[in-house]
């Protein structure tokens, strides 16, 4: 981790974003365990460095295609966590008026084009946004976040082919946490690195340590700048790991089939903890300052939790609005 080369301000921003993500997801987990939220929660815990590093390299008017595991993307873009919490509980002041919930949360004010419950569906959405950028002649960039399982979908190959042929301003980010529900990607793909598939479309394919926010940031910035300059797409594979099962009710016993210590080994690489330790070693951020950051975020999180709990549910008539025939 290249902590030594970064300013205190930038490291603080990285840590604040990742710690806010972690605490947000922990509270969502509590909502689920208490039976307060409808549906399932697919948590981003363990993957915080990816959304943080990528989004730190974006401009305010750039676009993002998100996934069913998308809370972290919204937090990294600076979305209102009160509205996020309310949406997860299906409340009226949530980002989607309580109609989207955890898996379909969106934040158009932050360029988030919507989380998506269909595997790989966000890839053509982001590609379409990139096409609109090129058509309109702006200097925006679209980001497509998706998991390794989505790289086996037709939407992945079709989108990369179109984006490469037309040099669209889009960056594809694979959040490779090894498992698509219970399916190990190593059993269903005959490549060690999915990023190698980029060569079939004549675009750069890069593999990064998805637990290192500085490495993700530097790689993403290079790809985003390249896209913004009209040189076309890049495929970035971030090697990472999700702390929980596919969703919070999944015991994830399948993860011990090949290595009983797999989860423990990955948790030692915790992106939040590793950044905190590295910043302390290089005396970039003091313990007192870390305590202050965490206390401030804890206050934000508790306010968001209270807001979501107290916010009313939408009126039944709301089910007839925002419907397209």
Protein backbone atom coordinates (compact mmCIF):
# COMPACT_ATOMS: atom_id res chain seq x y z
CA UNK A 1 0.00 0.00 0.00
CA UNK A 2 1.52 3.29 -1.16
CA UNK A 3 0.44 5.29 1.86
CA UNK A 4 3.74 7.17 2.07
CA UNK A 5 3.09 8.88 -1.27
CA UNK A 6 -0.35 10.20 -0.34
CA UNK A 7 -1.34 13.37 1.49
CA UNK A 8 -3.02 13.28 4.87
CA UNK A 9 -6.14 14.79 3.31
CA UNK A 10 -6.49 12.08 0.68
CA UNK A 11 -5.81 9.24 3.10
CA UNK A 12 -8.36 10.71 5.50
CA UNK A 13 -10.95 10.82 2.72
CA UNK A 14 -10.21 7.21 1.78
CA UNK A 15 -10.55 6.06 5.37
CA UNK A 16 -13.72 8.07 6.04
CA UNK A 17 -15.40 6.60 2.98
CA UNK A 18 -14.42 3.00 3.74
CA UNK A 19 -15.27 3.25 7.43
CA UNK A 20 -18.66 4.83 6.60
CA UNK A 21 -19.34 1.94 4.20
CA UNK A 22 -18.41 -0.65 6.80
CA UNK A 23 -20.61 0.87 9.49
CA UNK A 24 -23.49 1.37 7.09
CA UNK A 25 -23.45 -2.29 6.10
CA UNK A 26 -23.15 -3.44 9.71
CA UNK A 27 -26.34 -1.54 10.52
CA UNK A 28 -28.12 -2.97 7.48
CA UNK A 29 -27.15 -6.41 8.80
CA UNK A 30 -28.79 -5.48 12.11
CA UNK A 31 -31.95 -4.37 10.31
CA UNK A 32 -32.14 -7.76 8.62
CA UNK A 33 -31.54 -9.75 11.80
CA UNK A 34 -34.28 -7.76 13.56
CA UNK A 35 -36.73 -8.42 10.73
CA UNK A 36 -37.09 -4.72 9.97
CA UNK A 37 -36.28 -4.80 6.26
CA UNK A 38 -38.09 -6.50 3.39
CA UNK A 39 -36.19 -8.79 1.06
CA UNK A 40 -32.51 -9.66 1.24
CA UNK A 41 -29.34 -7.68 1.87
CA UNK A 42 -26.21 -8.34 -0.18
CA UNK A 43 -23.49 -6.67 1.85
CA UNK A 44 -20.35 -4.92 0.57
CA UNK A 45 -18.25 -5.62 3.67
CA UNK A 46 -14.71 -6.58 2.65
CA UNK A 47 -14.89 -4.87 -0.74
CA UNK A 48 -14.77 -1.23 0.44
CA UNK A 49 -11.46 -0.37 -1.23
CA UNK A 50 -12.90 -0.89 -4.72
CA UNK A 51 -15.79 1.58 -4.69
CA UNK A 52 -13.70 4.03 -2.67
CA UNK A 53 -10.72 3.97 -5.01
CA UNK A 54 -12.75 4.09 -8.22
CA UNK A 55 -15.18 6.80 -7.15
CA UNK A 56 -12.36 8.99 -5.83
CA UNK A 57 -11.14 9.28 -9.42
CA UNK A 58 -14.50 10.37 -10.84
CA UNK A 59 -16.02 13.79 -11.51
CA UNK A 60 -19.39 14.79 -10.11
CA UNK A 61 -21.27 14.32 -13.40
CA UNK A 62 -19.91 10.86 -14.27
CA UNK A 63 -22.21 7.82 -14.33
CA UNK A 64 -22.24 4.47 -12.51
CA UNK A 65 -24.01 1.22 -13.31
CA UNK A 66 -24.36 -0.65 -10.00
CA UNK A 67 -25.21 -4.17 -8.81
CA UNK A 68 -27.38 -5.96 -6.27
CA UNK A 69 -24.38 -5.50 -3.92
CA UNK A 70 -24.43 -1.77 -4.49
CA UNK A 71 -24.69 0.07 -1.17
CA UNK A 72 -20.95 0.73 -1.18
CA UNK A 73 -21.09 2.42 -4.58
CA UNK A 74 -23.65 4.93 -3.32
CA UNK A 75 -21.72 5.65 -0.14
CA UNK A 76 -18.53 6.19 -2.14
CA UNK A 77 -20.34 8.69 -4.37
CA UNK A 78 -21.45 10.69 -1.34
CA UNK A 79 -25.11 9.69 -1.42
CA UNK A 80 -27.36 10.71 1.48
CA UNK A 81 -27.12 7.81 3.93
CA UNK A 82 -30.39 8.80 5.60
CA UNK A 83 -32.24 8.36 2.32
CA UNK A 84 -30.31 5.14 1.72
CA UNK A 85 -31.31 3.70 5.09
CA UNK A 86 -34.91 4.74 4.52
CA UNK A 87 -34.96 3.03 1.13
CA UNK A 88 -33.61 -0.20 2.58
CA UNK A 89 -36.52 -0.21 5.05
CA UNK A 90 -39.01 0.58 2.27
CA UNK A 91 -39.83 4.04 3.63
CA UNK A 92 -41.33 6.95 1.69
CA UNK A 93 -38.32 9.29 1.83
CA UNK A 94 -35.93 6.67 0.50
CA UNK A 95 -34.10 7.21 -2.77
CA UNK A 96 -36.73 5.21 -4.68
CA UNK A 97 -39.65 6.21 -2.43
CA UNK A 98 -39.35 2.84 -0.70
CA UNK A 99 -40.11 0.93 -3.90
CA UNK A 100 -36.62 -0.29 -4.75
CA UNK A 101 -35.24 -1.50 -1.47
CA UNK A 102 -31.73 -2.81 -1.05
CA UNK A 103 -31.32 -4.48 -4.44
CA UNK A 104 -32.74 -1.66 -6.59
CA UNK A 105 -31.53 1.42 -4.78
CA UNK A 106 -30.43 4.34 -6.94
CA UNK A 107 -29.19 7.91 -6.60
CA UNK A 108 -29.59 9.81 -9.85
CA UNK A 109 -28.33 12.97 -8.16
CA UNK A 110 -24.98 11.19 -7.80
CA UNK A 111 -24.95 9.61 -11.26
CA UNK A 112 -25.96 6.18 -9.92
CA UNK A 113 -28.17 4.73 -12.65
CA UNK A 114 -29.56 2.11 -10.32
CA UNK A 115 -28.58 -1.08 -8.57
CA UNK A 116 -29.76 -4.19 -10.37
CA UNK A 117 -30.93 -7.61 -9.25
CA UNK A 118 -30.26 -9.22 -12.63
CA UNK A 119 -26.71 -10.55 -12.96
CA UNK A 120 -24.84 -8.58 -15.63
CA UNK A 121 -27.73 -6.22 -16.42
CA UNK A 122 -25.82 -3.13 -15.29
CA UNK A 123 -23.10 -3.71 -17.91
CA UNK A 124 -25.17 -2.67 -20.96
CA UNK A 125 -26.81 0.10 -18.94
CA UNK A 126 -23.43 1.71 -18.24
CA UNK A 127 -22.36 1.04 -21.83
CA UNK A 128 -25.50 2.82 -23.03
CA UNK A 129 -24.67 5.77 -20.78
CA UNK A 130 -21.19 5.85 -22.33
CA UNK A 131 -22.76 5.85 -25.80
CA UNK A 132 -24.92 8.83 -24.81
CA UNK A 133 -21.81 10.64 -23.58
CA UNK A 134 -20.08 10.15 -26.91
CA UNK A 135 -23.23 11.13 -28.82
CA UNK A 136 -23.62 14.33 -26.77
CA UNK A 137 -19.91 15.13 -26.95
CA UNK A 138 -19.34 15.70 -23.23
CA UNK A 139 -16.22 14.69 -21.27
CA UNK A 140 -18.07 12.40 -18.86
CA UNK A 141 -17.19 8.76 -18.14
CA UNK A 142 -19.38 5.79 -17.23
CA UNK A 143 -18.33 3.11 -14.74
CA UNK A 144 -19.78 -0.39 -14.76
CA UNK A 145 -19.36 -2.35 -11.53
CA UNK A 146 -20.12 -6.07 -11.68
CA UNK A 147 -19.08 -9.37 -10.14
CA UNK A 148 -17.00 -12.14 -11.64
CA UNK A 149 -20.09 -14.26 -12.33
CA UNK A 150 -21.45 -11.54 -14.62
CA UNK A 151 -18.37 -11.91 -16.83
CA UNK A 152 -19.85 -15.22 -18.01
CA UNK A 153 -23.02 -13.51 -19.20
CA UNK A 154 -23.63 -12.53 -22.81
CA UNK A 155 -24.20 -8.93 -21.75
CA UNK A 156 -20.54 -8.72 -20.73
CA UNK A 157 -19.16 -9.82 -24.09
CA UNK A 158 -21.68 -7.86 -26.16
CA UNK A 159 -21.03 -4.67 -24.20
CA UNK A 160 -17.24 -4.93 -24.32
CA UNK A 161 -17.37 -5.58 -28.04
CA UNK A 162 -19.56 -2.53 -28.67
CA UNK A 163 -17.56 -0.29 -26.35
CA UNK A 164 -14.24 -1.29 -27.90
CA UNK A 165 -15.52 -0.98 -31.49
CA UNK A 166 -16.86 2.53 -30.87
CA UNK A 167 -14.24 3.61 -28.30
CA UNK A 168 -16.85 4.49 -25.73
CA UNK A 169 -15.83 6.32 -22.53
CA UNK A 170 -16.52 3.47 -20.10
CA UNK A 171 -14.47 1.58 -17.52
CA UNK A 172 -15.54 -1.92 -16.54
CA UNK A 173 -14.78 -2.89 -12.93
CA UNK A 174 -14.93 -6.58 -11.99
CA UNK A 175 -15.38 -7.01 -8.25
CA UNK A 176 -14.07 -10.58 -8.19
CA UNK A 177 -14.96 -11.96 -4.76
CA UNK A 178 -14.60 -15.54 -6.10
CA UNK A 179 -18.21 -16.65 -5.69
CA UNK A 180 -21.40 -16.11 -7.70
CA UNK A 181 -23.83 -17.15 -4.97
CA UNK A 182 -22.23 -20.56 -4.20
CA UNK A 183 -20.46 -21.11 -7.54
CA UNK A 184 -16.68 -20.79 -7.44
CA UNK A 185 -15.53 -18.82 -10.50
CA UNK A 186 -12.45 -21.06 -10.63
CA UNK A 187 -14.77 -23.97 -11.51
CA UNK A 188 -16.59 -22.23 -14.37
CA UNK A 189 -13.91 -20.14 -16.09
CA UNK A 190 -10.78 -21.48 -17.77
CA UNK A 191 -8.73 -18.38 -17.01
CA UNK A 192 -6.95 -17.38 -13.82
CA UNK A 193 -7.53 -13.69 -14.49
CA UNK A 194 -10.82 -12.59 -16.03
CA UNK A 195 -9.09 -9.39 -17.12
CA UNK A 196 -7.32 -11.49 -19.78
CA UNK A 197 -10.60 -11.53 -21.69
CA UNK A 198 -9.99 -7.88 -22.57
CA UNK A 199 -7.46 -8.97 -25.18
CA UNK A 200 -10.27 -10.47 -27.28
CA UNK A 201 -11.67 -6.97 -27.72
CA UNK A 202 -8.41 -5.12 -28.18
CA UNK A 203 -8.65 -3.13 -24.94
CA UNK A 204 -6.44 -2.99 -21.82
CA UNK A 205 -7.12 -5.58 -19.14
CA UNK A 206 -5.61 -4.98 -15.70
CA UNK A 207 -5.58 -7.01 -12.47
CA UNK A 208 -5.30 -5.18 -9.15
CA UNK A 209 -5.36 -5.96 -5.45
CA UNK A 210 -8.94 -5.06 -4.60
CA UNK A 211 -8.08 -4.82 -0.91
CA UNK A 212 -5.63 -1.93 -1.49
CA UNK A 213 -7.44 1.38 -1.97
CA UNK A 214 -4.34 3.15 -3.28
CA UNK A 215 -3.74 0.54 -5.97
CA UNK A 216 -7.38 0.60 -7.01
CA UNK A 217 -7.39 4.40 -7.14
CA UNK A 218 -4.24 4.70 -9.24
CA UNK A 219 -5.35 2.05 -11.73
CA UNK A 220 -8.89 3.43 -11.97
CA UNK A 221 -7.67 7.00 -12.44
CA UNK A 222 -5.45 5.97 -15.33
CA UNK A 223 -8.32 4.11 -17.01
CA UNK A 224 -10.81 6.92 -16.36
CA UNK A 225 -8.44 9.55 -17.75
CA UNK A 226 -7.87 7.36 -20.79
CA UNK A 227 -11.61 7.02 -21.38
CA UNK A 228 -12.15 10.74 -20.88
CA UNK A 229 -9.52 11.48 -23.51
CA UNK A 230 -11.40 9.41 -26.09
CA UNK A 231 -9.16 6.33 -26.06
CA UNK A 232 -11.91 3.87 -25.18
CA UNK A 233 -12.67 1.35 -22.45
CA UNK A 234 -10.55 -0.57 -19.96
CA UNK A 235 -11.36 -3.76 -18.05
CA UNK A 236 -10.10 -3.75 -14.45
CA UNK A 237 -10.33 -6.88 -12.32
CA UNK A 238 -10.20 -6.23 -8.58
CA UNK A 239 -9.38 -9.34 -6.54
CA UNK A 240 -11.45 -9.12 -3.38
CA UNK A 241 -13.61 -11.06 -0.93
CA UNK A 242 -16.98 -10.60 0.72
CA UNK A 243 -17.06 -11.14 4.48
CA UNK A 244 -20.62 -12.47 4.47
CA UNK A 245 -22.37 -15.04 2.32
CA UNK A 246 -24.02 -14.12 -0.96
CA UNK A 247 -26.73 -12.49 1.17
CA UNK A 248 -27.00 -12.15 4.92
CA UNK A 249 -28.99 -15.38 5.30
CA UNK A 250 -26.41 -17.46 3.43
CA UNK A 251 -24.10 -19.44 5.77
CA UNK A 252 -21.54 -19.74 2.93
CA UNK A 253 -20.38 -23.20 3.96
CA UNK A 254 -19.28 -23.78 0.36
CA UNK A 255 -16.27 -21.53 0.95
CA UNK A 256 -14.46 -24.19 2.96
CA UNK A 257 -14.51 -26.81 0.19
CA UNK A 258 -11.05 -25.93 -1.11
CA UNK A 259 -9.52 -24.14 1.86
CA UNK A 260 -10.97 -24.26 5.36
CA UNK A 261 -9.02 -21.12 6.28
CA UNK A 262 -9.97 -19.14 3.19
CA UNK A 263 -12.16 -16.55 4.93
CA UNK A 264 -9.67 -16.00 7.74
CA UNK A 265 -6.83 -15.44 5.26
CA UNK A 266 -8.81 -12.82 3.37
CA UNK A 267 -10.01 -11.06 6.51
CA UNK A 268 -6.40 -10.42 7.45
CA UNK A 269 -6.30 -8.25 4.32
CA UNK A 270 -9.23 -6.12 5.51
CA UNK A 271 -8.98 -2.88 3.48
CA UNK A 272 -10.23 -0.69 6.31
CA UNK A 273 -7.87 -2.12 8.91
CA UNK A 274 -4.86 -2.24 6.57
CA UNK A 275 -5.22 1.41 5.57
CA UNK A 276 -5.56 2.44 9.21
CA UNK A 277 -2.45 0.48 10.19
CA UNK A 278 -0.38 1.77 7.27
CA UNK A 279 -1.40 5.39 7.88
CA UNK A 280 -0.43 5.03 11.54
CA UNK A 281 2.95 3.47 10.70
CA UNK A 282 3.86 6.37 8.42
CA UNK A 283 2.45 8.86 10.93
CA UNK A 284 -0.01 10.24 8.42
CA UNK A 285 -3.03 10.09 10.74
CA UNK A 286 -2.83 9.92 14.53
CA UNK A 287 -4.86 7.64 16.78
CA UNK A 288 -6.71 10.66 18.12
CA UNK A 289 -7.63 11.71 14.60
CA UNK A 290 -8.83 8.21 13.75
CA UNK A 291 -10.97 8.24 16.91
CA UNK A 292 -12.47 11.56 15.86
CA UNK A 293 -13.22 10.31 12.33
CA UNK A 294 -14.90 7.19 13.65
CA UNK A 295 -16.91 9.10 16.25
CA UNK A 296 -18.17 11.55 13.64
CA UNK A 297 -19.22 8.74 11.30
CA UNK A 298 -20.85 6.80 14.13
CA UNK A 299 -23.01 9.84 14.85
CA UNK A 300 -23.98 10.05 11.16
CA UNK A 301 -24.87 6.36 11.05
CA UNK A 302 -27.02 6.49 14.18
CA UNK A 303 -28.85 9.54 12.86
CA UNK A 304 -29.51 7.67 9.60
CA UNK A 305 -30.77 4.61 11.48
CA UNK A 306 -33.14 6.73 13.56
CA UNK A 307 -34.34 8.62 10.50
CA UNK A 308 -35.10 5.38 8.66
CA UNK A 309 -36.95 3.84 11.61
CA UNK A 310 -39.10 6.92 12.16
CA UNK A 311 -39.79 7.65 8.50
CA UNK A 312 -43.31 6.52 7.48
CA UNK A 313 -44.10 3.92 4.86
CA UNK A 314 -45.45 5.25 1.57
CA UNK A 315 -49.20 5.51 1.11
CA UNK A 316 -50.76 2.59 -0.73
CA UNK A 317 -51.73 4.95 -3.58
CA UNK A 318 -48.02 5.44 -4.23
CA UNK A 319 -48.02 2.01 -5.87
CA UNK A 320 -49.80 3.59 -8.86
CA UNK A 321 -47.16 6.27 -9.46
CA UNK A 322 -43.87 5.98 -11.37
CA UNK A 323 -45.38 3.12 -13.37
CA UNK A 324 -44.70 2.99 -17.10
CA UNK A 325 -47.22 1.34 -19.43
